[in-house]
Protein backbone atom coordinates (compact mmCIF):
# COMPACT_ATOMS: atom_id res chain seq x y z
CA UNK A 1 0.72 7.75 7.23
CA UNK A 2 4.38 8.77 7.72
CA UNK A 3 5.09 11.82 9.89
CA UNK A 4 3.90 15.19 8.60
CA UNK A 5 6.07 16.43 5.68
CA UNK A 6 6.51 20.02 4.51
CA UNK A 7 4.26 20.68 1.51
CA UNK A 8 6.92 22.60 -0.42
CA UNK A 9 9.36 19.72 -0.16
CA UNK A 10 6.65 17.35 -1.36
CA UNK A 11 6.03 19.18 -4.61
CA UNK A 12 9.76 19.32 -5.33
CA UNK A 13 10.21 15.63 -4.54
CA UNK A 14 7.44 14.54 -6.87
CA UNK A 15 8.67 16.78 -9.67
CA UNK A 16 12.12 15.23 -9.34
CA UNK A 17 10.56 11.77 -9.46
CA UNK A 18 8.96 12.42 -12.83
CA UNK A 19 12.01 14.15 -14.30
CA UNK A 20 15.04 12.21 -13.09
CA UNK A 21 13.82 8.95 -11.58
CA UNK A 22 13.00 7.38 -8.28
CA UNK A 23 16.53 7.00 -6.96
CA UNK A 24 16.94 10.72 -6.31
CA UNK A 25 13.75 11.13 -4.25
CA UNK A 26 14.26 11.28 -0.51
CA UNK A 27 11.28 13.21 0.86
CA UNK A 28 7.78 12.04 1.76
CA UNK A 29 5.08 12.80 -0.78
CA UNK A 30 1.39 13.19 -0.19
CA UNK A 31 0.48 14.99 -3.41
CA UNK A 32 0.48 13.94 -7.08
CA UNK A 33 2.80 15.63 -9.58
CA UNK A 34 1.94 19.27 -10.20
CA UNK A 35 1.30 19.03 -13.93
CA UNK A 36 -1.58 19.83 -16.25
CA UNK A 37 -3.92 16.86 -15.69
CA UNK A 38 -4.07 14.39 -18.55
CA UNK A 39 -6.31 11.31 -18.67
CA UNK A 40 -3.47 8.79 -19.03
CA UNK A 41 0.27 9.39 -19.00
CA UNK A 42 3.24 7.09 -19.06
CA UNK A 43 6.13 8.05 -16.78
CA UNK A 44 9.43 6.21 -17.12
CA UNK A 45 11.76 6.95 -14.19
CA UNK A 46 15.42 6.30 -14.92
CA UNK A 47 15.93 3.18 -12.85
CA UNK A 48 12.70 1.56 -14.04
CA UNK A 49 13.59 2.42 -17.63
CA UNK A 50 16.97 0.74 -17.20
CA UNK A 51 15.16 -2.39 -16.09
CA UNK A 52 12.70 -2.11 -18.95
CA UNK A 53 9.76 -1.10 -16.75
CA UNK A 54 7.37 1.85 -16.93
CA UNK A 55 4.79 3.68 -14.83
CA UNK A 56 1.33 4.28 -16.28
CA UNK A 57 -0.66 7.00 -14.49
CA UNK A 58 -4.43 7.18 -15.00
CA UNK A 59 -5.96 10.46 -13.82
CA UNK A 60 -9.49 9.20 -14.50
CA UNK A 61 -9.24 6.51 -11.83
CA UNK A 62 -6.58 8.26 -9.70
CA UNK A 63 -4.43 5.16 -9.98
CA UNK A 64 -1.05 4.16 -11.33
CA UNK A 65 0.43 0.88 -12.49
CA UNK A 66 4.11 -0.02 -12.43
CA UNK A 67 4.59 -2.39 -15.35
CA UNK A 68 7.69 -4.63 -15.22
CA UNK A 69 9.78 -5.60 -18.21
CA UNK A 70 8.73 -9.25 -17.86
CA UNK A 71 5.60 -10.07 -15.90
CA UNK A 72 5.50 -13.08 -13.61
CA UNK A 73 1.69 -13.02 -13.55
CA UNK A 74 1.43 -11.46 -10.10
CA UNK A 75 -0.22 -8.17 -9.09
CA UNK A 76 0.94 -6.30 -5.97
CA UNK A 77 -1.56 -3.74 -4.66
CA UNK A 78 -0.29 -0.86 -2.49
CA UNK A 79 -2.89 0.44 -0.01
CA UNK A 80 -1.60 3.77 1.26
CA UNK A 81 -1.76 5.49 4.63
CA UNK A 82 -3.58 8.58 5.84
CA UNK A 83 -2.80 11.72 3.85
CA UNK A 84 -0.96 9.82 1.13
CA UNK A 85 -1.74 9.28 -2.56
CA UNK A 86 -0.84 6.76 -5.20
CA UNK A 87 2.42 8.64 -5.78
CA UNK A 88 3.58 8.04 -2.21
CA UNK A 89 4.59 4.54 -3.26
CA UNK A 90 7.21 5.96 -5.62
CA UNK A 91 8.25 9.29 -4.16
CA UNK A 92 9.31 8.27 -0.65
CA UNK A 93 12.57 6.32 -0.52
CA UNK A 94 11.28 3.61 1.85
CA UNK A 95 8.20 2.61 -0.12
CA UNK A 96 9.98 3.13 -3.43
CA UNK A 97 12.68 0.62 -2.47
CA UNK A 98 9.99 -2.04 -2.12
CA UNK A 99 8.25 -0.98 -5.35
CA UNK A 100 11.54 -1.31 -7.21
CA UNK A 101 12.25 -4.73 -5.76
CA UNK A 102 8.86 -6.27 -6.54
CA UNK A 103 8.87 -4.74 -10.04
CA UNK A 104 12.36 -6.10 -10.70
CA UNK A 105 11.07 -9.52 -9.63
CA UNK A 106 8.35 -9.34 -12.32
CA UNK A 107 5.33 -8.24 -10.28
CA UNK A 108 2.98 -5.60 -11.68
CA UNK A 109 2.22 -2.96 -9.04
CA UNK A 110 -1.04 -1.04 -8.56
CA UNK A 111 -1.53 2.04 -6.36
CA UNK A 112 -4.56 4.31 -6.02
CA UNK A 113 -5.50 7.54 -4.24
CA UNK A 114 -8.68 6.04 -2.77
CA UNK A 115 -9.72 9.67 -2.23
CA UNK A 116 -7.07 9.94 0.50
CA UNK A 117 -9.45 8.65 3.16
CA UNK A 118 -9.72 4.89 2.76
CA UNK A 119 -10.41 4.01 6.39
CA UNK A 120 -11.61 0.51 5.53
CA UNK A 121 -15.04 1.83 4.51
CA UNK A 122 -17.27 0.04 1.97
CA UNK A 123 -16.84 2.68 -0.76
CA UNK A 124 -13.05 2.49 -0.71
CA UNK A 125 -13.14 -1.31 -0.68
CA UNK A 126 -15.40 -1.28 -3.73
CA UNK A 127 -13.03 1.11 -5.54
CA UNK A 128 -10.01 -1.05 -4.77
CA UNK A 129 -11.84 -4.20 -5.85
CA UNK A 130 -12.85 -2.66 -9.19
CA UNK A 131 -9.30 -1.44 -9.86
CA UNK A 132 -7.82 -4.82 -8.98
CA UNK A 133 -10.13 -6.68 -11.34
CA UNK A 134 -9.59 -4.14 -14.12
CA UNK A 135 -5.79 -4.30 -13.75
CA UNK A 136 -5.78 -8.09 -13.69
CA UNK A 137 -7.76 -8.18 -16.93
CA UNK A 138 -5.76 -5.42 -18.65
CA UNK A 139 -2.37 -7.01 -17.94
CA UNK A 140 -3.50 -10.65 -17.89
CA UNK A 141 -2.51 -11.28 -14.27
CA UNK A 142 -3.53 -14.10 -11.99
CA UNK A 143 -2.19 -13.88 -8.43
CA UNK A 144 -2.93 -10.89 -6.18
CA UNK A 145 -0.74 -9.71 -3.30
CA UNK A 146 -1.64 -6.89 -0.92
CA UNK A 147 0.78 -4.42 0.62
CA UNK A 148 -0.92 -2.14 3.17
CA UNK A 149 0.57 0.80 5.05
CA UNK A 150 -0.84 2.20 8.29
CA UNK A 151 -4.48 3.21 7.56
CA UNK A 152 -4.29 0.87 4.55
CA UNK A 153 -4.16 -2.08 6.93
CA UNK A 154 -7.93 -1.86 7.41
CA UNK A 155 -8.59 -2.34 3.68
CA UNK A 156 -5.81 -4.92 3.36
CA UNK A 157 -7.29 -7.30 5.92
CA UNK A 158 -10.78 -7.04 4.42
CA UNK A 159 -9.72 -7.37 0.78
CA UNK A 160 -7.61 -10.39 1.67
CA UNK A 161 -10.87 -12.13 2.61
CA UNK A 162 -13.03 -10.94 -0.27
CA UNK A 163 -10.94 -10.48 -3.43
CA UNK A 164 -10.40 -13.63 -5.50
CA UNK A 165 -6.85 -14.91 -6.03
CA UNK A 166 -5.26 -13.07 -3.08
CA UNK A 167 -2.26 -15.26 -2.21
CA UNK A 168 -0.55 -13.26 0.56
CA UNK A 169 -0.49 -9.86 2.25
CA UNK A 170 2.03 -7.64 3.98
CA UNK A 171 1.35 -4.71 6.30
CA UNK A 172 3.55 -1.92 7.60
CA UNK A 173 2.46 -0.73 11.07
CA UNK A 174 -1.20 -1.43 10.15
CA UNK A 175 -4.31 0.08 11.70
CA UNK A 176 -6.36 -2.92 12.79
CA UNK A 177 -8.86 -1.25 15.11
CA UNK A 178 -10.26 2.14 14.10
CA UNK A 179 -11.24 2.87 17.69
CA UNK A 180 -7.57 3.38 18.51
CA UNK A 181 -7.20 6.27 16.02
CA UNK A 182 -8.17 9.04 18.40
CA UNK A 183 -5.90 11.85 17.21
CA UNK A 184 -7.89 14.90 16.20
CA UNK A 185 -6.18 15.17 12.79
CA UNK A 186 -7.76 11.86 11.70
CA UNK A 187 -11.33 12.53 12.73
CA UNK A 188 -12.60 14.51 9.73
CA UNK A 189 -11.50 11.89 7.20
CA UNK A 190 -12.83 9.04 9.34
CA UNK A 191 -16.25 10.73 9.49
CA UNK A 192 -16.18 11.48 5.75
CA UNK A 193 -15.27 7.89 4.92
CA UNK A 194 -17.91 6.26 7.07
CA UNK A 195 -20.67 8.90 6.82
CA UNK A 196 -22.66 7.71 9.80
CA UNK A 197 -22.25 3.99 9.13
CA UNK A 198 -21.38 1.70 12.01
CA UNK A 199 -17.65 1.14 12.33
CA UNK A 200 -18.16 -2.16 14.12
CA UNK A 201 -16.70 -4.23 11.22
CA UNK A 202 -13.30 -2.63 11.79
CA UNK A 203 -13.39 -2.37 15.58
CA UNK A 204 -11.27 -4.47 15.28
CA UNK A 205 -11.08 -5.55 11.64
CA UNK A 206 -11.74 -9.20 10.90
CA UNK A 207 -8.72 -11.13 9.59
CA UNK A 208 -8.88 -14.31 7.55
CA UNK A 209 -6.43 -17.10 6.79
CA UNK A 210 -4.37 -15.36 4.08
CA UNK A 211 -0.60 -15.69 4.69
CA UNK A 212 0.54 -12.50 6.38
CA UNK A 213 3.75 -10.63 7.23
CA UNK A 214 3.52 -7.59 9.52
CA UNK A 215 6.07 -4.97 10.54
CA UNK A 216 5.47 -2.72 13.57
CA UNK A 217 7.42 -0.93 16.28
CA UNK A 218 6.53 -0.80 19.99
CA UNK A 219 7.86 2.79 19.91
CA UNK A 220 5.23 3.90 17.37
CA UNK A 221 3.07 6.60 19.00
CA UNK A 222 0.78 7.12 15.96
CA UNK A 223 -0.52 3.57 15.53
CA UNK A 224 -0.05 1.62 18.74
CA UNK A 225 1.37 -1.81 17.86
CA UNK A 226 -0.13 -3.59 20.87
CA UNK A 227 -3.70 -2.64 19.96
CA UNK A 228 -3.28 -2.82 16.18
CA UNK A 229 -0.53 -4.94 14.60
CA UNK A 230 -0.63 -7.47 17.42
CA UNK A 231 -4.41 -7.74 17.07
CA UNK A 232 -4.22 -8.52 13.34
CA UNK A 233 -1.46 -11.05 13.96
CA UNK A 234 -3.45 -12.81 16.68
CA UNK A 235 -6.60 -12.90 14.53
CA UNK A 236 -4.69 -14.28 11.55
CA UNK A 237 -3.10 -17.00 13.66
CA UNK A 238 -6.49 -17.90 15.11
CA UNK A 239 -7.79 -18.28 11.55
CA UNK A 240 -4.96 -20.68 10.73
CA UNK A 241 -2.89 -18.29 8.59
CA UNK A 242 0.90 -18.56 8.35
CA UNK A 243 2.01 -15.33 10.06
CA UNK A 244 5.32 -13.55 10.52
CA UNK A 245 5.43 -10.59 12.93
CA UNK A 246 8.60 -8.52 12.60
CA UNK A 247 9.07 -6.09 15.48
CA UNK A 248 10.92 -3.01 14.27
CA UNK A 249 12.15 0.16 15.98
CA UNK A 250 11.53 3.87 15.95
CA UNK A 251 8.50 6.01 15.26
CA UNK A 252 5.77 5.70 12.64
CA UNK A 253 7.26 5.23 9.18
CA UNK A 254 10.72 4.34 10.47
CA UNK A 255 12.97 2.86 7.71
CA UNK A 256 13.39 -0.35 9.75
CA UNK A 257 9.88 -1.33 8.64
CA UNK A 258 10.80 -1.59 4.96
CA UNK A 259 12.63 -4.75 3.91
CA UNK A 260 12.34 -5.22 0.13
CA UNK A 261 14.07 -8.60 -0.03
CA UNK A 262 11.76 -10.02 2.63
CA UNK A 263 8.69 -8.80 0.72
CA UNK A 264 9.86 -10.31 -2.57
CA UNK A 265 10.72 -13.68 -1.01
CA UNK A 266 7.38 -13.77 0.80
CA UNK A 267 5.36 -13.04 -2.33
CA UNK A 268 7.40 -15.47 -4.42
CA UNK A 269 6.72 -18.20 -1.87
CA UNK A 270 2.98 -17.95 -2.51
CA UNK A 271 2.99 -17.12 -6.21
CA UNK A 272 1.36 -19.74 -8.45
CA UNK A 273 4.19 -21.63 -10.20
CA UNK A 274 4.25 -20.97 -13.92
CA UNK A 275 1.52 -18.33 -13.74
């Protein structure tokens, strides 16, 4: 849910991503590449190609998989923010830096559109769960790691409790209580996602004992850290989870929230040895 980008810049950024590689992309992206839709395509950005990796895009499931040169048996699942798509993981410099790092370390990475409105609702959780199980089977993976951003924090905390083999989770400025998302621009997608269902399960979201690292800034005016990130951290600690809360600076989506080396070390710490 980074701050609102210009749509023209987005289309250019994504086109550059497909043509010349991730390293040249500097703008936010909330739209997929503007190409003739094909069921499954394989995109090989320059820096991933140099490392022997590839990106497999599946239009049928609105998901993509970053496949490393040598798998370590771990699957990292990116759960995007409001208005983003699966391509946001690769087309914005901040998220892409983390995707590169975990791929270089041997983790397979999964991202999905989740219809752009995955506010922790049952339908989006079911979609993510199906994709996770399918990707694990397809690439013979064992451990699962979750990486939620903003709105994606609601799904992250729930999937960490329900999906088998989740070893650890990270969250960038996560939404942990949907009641705090009062801005008018969010309301239509919240209503569409929940369709009259009670939002009590995410008011606030329940957090289990999965190891957790959270980044959030007290200066964030989009997702208030005191009523969101701090709530998830407190719930996780109360459940007995090992928790690290990294207080960052700046507004929503500030680069200080993205620390690739920290993410890799954290996931490696909880990866099954020899998997």
